[in-house]
Amino acid sequence: MPSTAMPRRSDVETELPSTLRRSPKEAQETFLATLRSAIDEYGEGERARRTAYASLKHSFEKVGDHWEPKEQRGPSDDAAAGVPGGATFGGIDVRASRAHLVDLARKLDVHVTTRMTKAEIAAALEKESDRRSARARGR
């Protein structure tokens, strides 16, 4: 299991999460810039990493084992939007259109029915993304 210890400010680039190593350079730069700033602001810890992921999720969404640019910038779910008790879907942009989520499901070969809600589709996409990420890491 990979270490969950927060990298030192000078080691940030070498500690890029595996899903980001497989992602576009812009996603990597967004995450790293925010992580450096958050480490300066909050110190080395989980809060800095969560801040970096929150920033990343405003411009990118998790698709399988990597991150891709979103069609529109903004919070990806209620939790990111600051809704108390809001659900999160591991980087899946649940605020996107249902058609977009269905297209992602097709791309990832996730079974979707017409009766599924956007939240159910996002949960299925999150599960598949987690599975692909684990497989890509060799687990």
Protein backbone atom coordinates (compact mmCIF):
# COMPACT_ATOMS: atom_id res chain seq x y z
CA MET A 1 0.00 0.00 0.00
CA PRO A 2 1.42 3.41 -0.92
CA SER A 3 2.34 5.80 1.82
CA THR A 4 -0.30 8.36 2.76
CA ALA A 5 2.32 10.59 4.37
CA MET A 6 2.34 14.10 3.00
CA PRO A 7 5.40 14.94 0.88
CA ARG A 8 7.70 17.72 1.99
CA ARG A 9 7.38 20.95 0.00
CA SER A 10 10.60 20.13 -1.91
CA ASP A 11 9.42 16.58 -2.76
CA VAL A 12 6.01 17.51 -4.17
CA GLU A 13 6.80 16.75 -7.84
CA THR A 14 8.12 13.27 -7.05
CA GLU A 15 5.01 12.39 -5.04
CA LEU A 16 2.44 12.94 -7.81
CA PRO A 17 -0.48 10.48 -7.41
CA SER A 18 -0.54 7.71 -10.03
CA THR A 19 -3.85 8.87 -11.53
CA LEU A 20 -2.27 12.26 -12.18
CA ARG A 21 0.89 10.73 -13.67
CA ARG A 22 -1.42 9.27 -16.36
CA SER A 23 -3.21 12.60 -16.88
CA PRO A 24 -2.59 15.67 -19.06
CA LYS A 25 0.20 18.03 -18.05
CA GLU A 26 -2.36 20.77 -17.26
CA ALA A 27 -4.00 18.53 -14.63
CA GLN A 28 -0.61 17.77 -13.09
CA GLU A 29 0.32 21.47 -13.02
CA THR A 30 -3.02 22.45 -11.44
CA PHE A 31 -2.63 19.84 -8.71
CA LEU A 32 1.03 20.63 -8.00
CA ALA A 33 0.60 24.42 -7.92
CA THR A 34 -2.29 24.14 -5.48
CA LEU A 35 -0.50 21.53 -3.38
CA ARG A 36 2.60 23.73 -3.04
CA SER A 37 0.48 26.69 -2.02
CA ALA A 38 -1.58 24.60 0.40
CA ILE A 39 1.56 23.21 2.05
CA ASP A 40 2.78 26.78 2.53
CA GLU A 41 -0.60 27.80 3.96
CA TYR A 42 -1.61 24.76 6.06
CA GLY A 43 1.60 22.79 6.46
CA GLU A 44 2.33 19.27 5.33
CA GLY A 45 -0.73 17.14 5.90
CA GLU A 46 -4.00 15.77 4.64
CA ARG A 47 -5.59 19.23 4.44
CA ALA A 48 -3.07 20.34 1.81
CA ARG A 49 -3.74 17.26 -0.34
CA ARG A 50 -7.52 17.67 -0.05
CA THR A 51 -7.18 21.30 -1.08
CA ALA A 52 -5.17 20.29 -4.17
CA TYR A 53 -7.77 17.68 -5.18
CA ALA A 54 -10.59 20.20 -4.67
CA SER A 55 -8.84 22.62 -7.02
CA LEU A 56 -8.22 19.87 -9.57
CA LYS A 57 -11.89 18.82 -9.54
CA HIS A 58 -13.01 22.30 -10.60
CA SER A 59 -11.32 21.90 -14.01
CA PHE A 60 -10.88 18.13 -14.44
CA GLU A 61 -12.92 15.00 -13.86
CA LYS A 62 -11.75 11.48 -13.19
CA VAL A 63 -12.32 9.15 -16.13
CA GLY A 64 -11.20 5.61 -15.46
CA ASP A 65 -7.62 5.70 -14.18
CA HIS A 66 -6.79 9.32 -15.13
CA TRP A 67 -8.13 12.90 -15.15
CA GLU A 68 -9.56 14.69 -18.22
CA PRO A 69 -10.57 18.34 -18.71
CA LYS A 70 -14.19 19.13 -17.89
CA GLU A 71 -16.48 20.78 -20.43
CA GLN A 72 -17.28 23.52 -17.89
CA ARG A 73 -15.28 24.65 -14.86
CA GLY A 74 -16.94 24.45 -11.48
CA PRO A 75 -17.61 22.15 -8.56
CA SER A 76 -18.00 18.48 -9.50
CA ASP A 77 -20.50 17.58 -6.78
CA ASP A 78 -22.43 18.94 -3.81
CA ALA A 79 -19.52 18.39 -1.43
CA ALA A 80 -17.22 20.46 -3.66
CA ALA A 81 -19.89 23.16 -3.86
CA GLY A 82 -19.95 23.42 -0.07
CA VAL A 83 -23.40 21.88 0.43
CA PRO A 84 -23.50 20.57 4.02
CA GLY A 85 -23.59 16.78 3.96
CA GLY A 86 -23.25 16.81 0.16
CA ALA A 87 -22.23 13.60 -1.55
CA THR A 88 -18.93 13.21 -3.37
CA PHE A 89 -18.22 10.84 -6.24
CA GLY A 90 -14.43 10.56 -6.40
CA GLY A 91 -13.88 13.19 -9.07
CA ILE A 92 -16.86 12.24 -11.27
CA ASP A 93 -18.59 15.44 -12.41
CA VAL A 94 -22.11 14.62 -11.19
CA ARG A 95 -23.17 18.20 -11.99
CA ALA A 96 -22.61 17.53 -15.70
CA SER A 97 -25.56 16.53 -17.87
CA ARG A 98 -27.02 13.05 -17.67
CA ALA A 99 -26.04 12.60 -21.33
CA HIS A 100 -22.41 13.35 -20.45
CA LEU A 101 -22.46 10.78 -17.64
CA VAL A 102 -24.03 8.18 -19.95
CA ASP A 103 -21.32 8.91 -22.57
CA LEU A 104 -18.63 8.36 -19.92
CA ALA A 105 -20.32 5.13 -18.89
CA ARG A 106 -20.24 3.92 -22.49
CA LYS A 107 -16.58 4.92 -22.80
CA LEU A 108 -15.72 2.93 -19.66
CA ASP A 109 -18.09 0.05 -20.52
CA VAL A 110 -20.23 0.65 -17.42
CA HIS A 111 -23.77 -0.70 -17.61
CA VAL A 112 -26.37 2.07 -17.27
CA THR A 113 -30.14 1.75 -17.36
CA THR A 114 -32.67 4.43 -18.25
CA ARG A 115 -34.03 4.29 -14.70
CA MET A 116 -30.73 5.18 -13.06
CA THR A 117 -30.42 8.63 -11.52
CA LYS A 118 -27.40 10.84 -12.16
CA ALA A 119 -26.14 9.99 -8.67
CA GLU A 120 -26.44 6.25 -9.39
CA ILE A 121 -24.59 6.64 -12.70
CA ALA A 122 -21.88 8.70 -10.97
CA ALA A 123 -21.54 6.04 -8.25
CA ALA A 124 -21.13 3.32 -10.90
CA LEU A 125 -18.55 5.45 -12.72
CA GLU A 126 -16.70 6.07 -9.44
CA LYS A 127 -16.59 2.33 -8.75
CA GLU A 128 -15.22 1.60 -12.23
CA SER A 129 -12.67 4.43 -11.98
CA ASP A 130 -11.48 3.08 -8.63
CA ARG A 131 -11.21 -0.43 -10.11
CA ARG A 132 -9.19 0.83 -13.08
CA SER A 133 -6.92 2.94 -10.89
CA ALA A 134 -6.19 -0.03 -8.63
CA ARG A 135 -5.47 -2.23 -11.66
CA ALA A 136 -3.16 0.41 -13.14
CA ARG A 137 -1.24 0.56 -9.83
CA GLY A 138 -0.83 -3.22 -9.96
CA ARG A 139 -3.25 -4.18 -7.18
